[in-house]
Structures are given as structure tokens and as C-alpha cells.
């Protein structure tokens, strides 16, 4: 069993957590902690960000934190040791940074099938995490 598990999810896509939550719970056993991570993508200073309100990212992070709390109440058994985290930035880099910060000894995350259009265009986040993580990564499909 693992002591601290990082579980990065995309709150808007249940396929990123429906199978990953049970896998993380199984890997954590009775005494392990699960660190549930949601990430707000960094929009940078590009053209897109000029069309958004100045406080867009702050409000997005606050909304994500609340949504993660709701998911914990609905999807985790009572008494589970779950902490929520909201990151901001490039997804694979943020996952690896937060894993280091919380002292995770395992990352559990979903991986979409290779035929997924996003994977073909920008690459798989899971693939990047697997290749750069200094700790084990369990990918779930």
C-alpha cells in the first residue's frame, strides 16, 4: 500500500476520475492519504486571456476548489483521508510539482485511448507524467 497518493483529475470529465478514484482508494489501503488535484490551465498572456475578465483565473480556481469538495463528499467513502488541491499552470508540470510538494509516493491518473484527438494533437498528459515522474505512476483506462 502507498502512504500518499496524488490523484489529478479534470473535474469536467468524469472519465478522468470514475475509474481512477476506486484505484486510488485500493492503493491507499486503510491508512493512506489521497491528494485530489484539479488544475486550472495557464492561459498566459496570449490573445485568449485578453478577452477574459481580469479575475478569471482566480474565480476559476475558487470554483474548482468548491467542485473538488463536492466530488469528495459524493465519490469517497466517509472517513477517507482526502485533501483537495488546486493547481495552476501546464498540466504535467503542475502534477509533478504538486506530487513533490505533498510527498506523494504514487500518482494515479486516467489515460485516454491513443485515438483521442487531443492526444494526437498535443500528446497525452499521462504519457508526459509517466516519462518524467520520479515515483510510480498508475494509469487507469
Protein backbone atom coordinates (compact mmCIF):
# COMPACT_ATOMS: atom_id res chain seq x y z
CA UNK A 1 0.00 0.00 0.00
CA UNK A 2 1.03 3.60 -0.54
CA UNK A 3 1.03 6.36 2.08
CA UNK A 4 0.36 9.41 -0.10
CA UNK A 5 -1.31 9.22 -3.46
CA UNK A 6 -1.74 12.12 -5.86
CA UNK A 7 -4.91 11.82 -7.92
CA UNK A 8 -5.03 14.51 -10.63
CA UNK A 9 -8.42 14.83 -12.33
CA UNK A 10 -10.31 17.04 -14.75
CA UNK A 11 -13.49 17.80 -12.81
CA UNK A 12 -15.41 18.42 -16.05
CA UNK A 13 -14.63 14.97 -17.46
CA UNK A 14 -15.91 12.07 -15.31
CA UNK A 15 -13.81 9.64 -17.33
CA UNK A 16 -10.79 11.23 -15.63
CA UNK A 17 -11.98 10.14 -12.18
CA UNK A 18 -14.68 7.44 -12.37
CA UNK A 19 -12.17 4.59 -12.53
CA UNK A 20 -9.22 6.43 -11.01
CA UNK A 21 -10.91 7.09 -7.65
CA UNK A 22 -11.54 3.38 -6.89
CA UNK A 23 -7.98 2.56 -8.00
CA UNK A 24 -6.53 5.25 -5.71
CA UNK A 25 -8.66 4.04 -2.80
CA UNK A 26 -7.50 0.48 -3.33
CA UNK A 27 -3.83 1.56 -3.49
CA UNK A 28 -4.12 3.69 -0.36
CA UNK A 29 -5.48 0.95 1.88
CA UNK A 30 -6.81 1.98 5.26
CA UNK A 31 -4.14 4.43 6.36
CA UNK A 32 -3.15 6.17 3.13
CA UNK A 33 -3.93 9.73 2.12
CA UNK A 34 -5.30 10.74 -1.25
CA UNK A 35 -4.45 14.18 -2.56
CA UNK A 36 -7.09 15.10 -5.14
CA UNK A 37 -5.74 17.64 -7.62
CA UNK A 38 -7.62 19.83 -10.07
CA UNK A 39 -5.71 22.11 -12.41
CA UNK A 40 -6.66 25.43 -13.97
CA UNK A 41 -4.77 25.72 -17.23
CA UNK A 42 -2.45 28.68 -17.51
CA UNK A 43 -3.79 30.97 -20.22
CA UNK A 44 -0.65 33.07 -20.21
CA UNK A 45 -0.63 36.49 -21.79
CA UNK A 46 -1.83 35.30 -25.17
CA UNK A 47 -4.67 36.67 -27.22
CA UNK A 48 -7.24 34.47 -25.44
CA UNK A 49 -6.56 35.95 -22.00
CA UNK A 50 -7.21 39.49 -23.25
CA UNK A 51 -10.86 38.59 -23.81
CA UNK A 52 -11.41 37.28 -20.27
CA UNK A 53 -12.11 39.26 -17.08
CA UNK A 54 -9.01 40.18 -15.09
CA UNK A 55 -10.00 37.89 -12.21
CA UNK A 56 -10.94 34.90 -14.40
CA UNK A 57 -8.19 32.57 -13.20
CA UNK A 58 -8.80 33.41 -9.52
CA UNK A 59 -12.53 32.70 -9.85
CA UNK A 60 -11.83 29.53 -11.84
CA UNK A 61 -9.55 28.28 -9.06
CA UNK A 62 -12.12 29.08 -6.37
CA UNK A 63 -14.86 27.31 -8.34
CA UNK A 64 -12.63 24.30 -8.91
CA UNK A 65 -11.82 24.05 -5.19
CA UNK A 66 -15.55 24.00 -4.39
CA UNK A 67 -16.25 21.39 -7.09
CA UNK A 68 -13.46 19.16 -5.76
CA UNK A 69 -15.01 19.38 -2.29
CA UNK A 70 -18.37 18.32 -3.72
CA UNK A 71 -16.75 15.38 -5.50
CA UNK A 72 -15.06 14.24 -2.29
CA UNK A 73 -18.41 14.23 -0.47
CA UNK A 74 -20.12 12.29 -3.29
CA UNK A 75 -17.46 9.86 -4.53
CA UNK A 76 -15.34 8.94 -1.50
CA UNK A 77 -16.45 6.77 1.42
CA UNK A 78 -16.98 8.54 4.73
CA UNK A 79 -13.77 8.66 6.73
CA UNK A 80 -11.49 8.64 3.69
CA UNK A 81 -8.34 10.68 4.12
CA UNK A 82 -8.69 13.05 1.17
CA UNK A 83 -7.20 16.50 0.76
CA UNK A 84 -8.05 18.72 -2.19
CA UNK A 85 -5.55 20.86 -4.07
CA UNK A 86 -5.96 23.31 -6.91
CA UNK A 87 -3.00 23.88 -9.18
CA UNK A 88 -2.41 26.41 -11.90
CA UNK A 89 -0.24 26.01 -14.97
CA UNK A 90 0.83 23.47 -17.54
CA UNK A 91 -0.85 20.17 -16.58
CA UNK A 92 2.07 17.67 -16.50
CA UNK A 93 4.42 20.14 -14.83
CA UNK A 94 1.79 21.01 -12.21
CA UNK A 95 1.12 17.34 -11.46
CA UNK A 96 4.81 16.67 -10.91
CA UNK A 97 5.27 19.81 -8.80
CA UNK A 98 2.31 19.04 -6.53
CA UNK A 99 3.38 15.39 -6.20
CA UNK A 100 6.73 16.63 -4.90
CA UNK A 101 5.12 19.20 -2.59
CA UNK A 102 2.81 16.71 -0.90
CA UNK A 103 5.45 13.97 -0.75
CA UNK A 104 3.40 11.58 -2.89
CA UNK A 105 4.74 8.07 -3.34
CA UNK A 106 2.29 7.22 -6.16
CA UNK A 107 0.40 9.13 -8.85
CA UNK A 108 -2.88 7.61 -10.06
CA UNK A 109 -4.38 9.16 -13.17
CA UNK A 110 -6.58 8.39 -16.13
CA UNK A 111 -5.26 7.97 -19.60
CA UNK A 112 -7.43 8.39 -22.65
CA UNK A 113 -7.10 5.93 -25.53
CA UNK A 114 -4.43 6.94 -28.07
CA UNK A 115 -7.10 7.62 -30.70
CA UNK A 116 -8.31 10.62 -28.70
CA UNK A 117 -7.91 13.71 -30.92
CA UNK A 118 -6.38 15.81 -28.13
CA UNK A 119 -3.74 13.13 -27.54
CA UNK A 120 -2.86 13.09 -31.21
CA UNK A 121 -2.54 16.87 -31.38
CA UNK A 122 -0.83 17.80 -28.11
CA UNK A 123 0.24 14.47 -26.63
CA UNK A 124 -1.00 12.65 -23.59
CA UNK A 125 -0.66 14.30 -20.19
CA UNK A 126 -0.38 10.83 -18.64
CA UNK A 127 2.41 9.93 -21.05
CA UNK A 128 4.37 13.03 -20.08
CA UNK A 129 3.87 12.39 -16.36
CA UNK A 130 4.92 8.73 -16.71
CA UNK A 131 8.11 9.72 -18.54
CA UNK A 132 9.15 12.42 -16.08
CA UNK A 133 7.87 11.26 -12.67
CA UNK A 134 10.46 10.11 -10.14
CA UNK A 135 7.77 7.98 -8.44
CA UNK A 136 5.45 5.22 -9.73
CA UNK A 137 2.51 6.26 -11.88
CA UNK A 138 -0.59 4.09 -12.24
CA UNK A 139 -2.58 4.92 -15.34
CA UNK A 140 -6.20 3.82 -15.48
CA UNK A 141 -8.41 3.35 -18.54
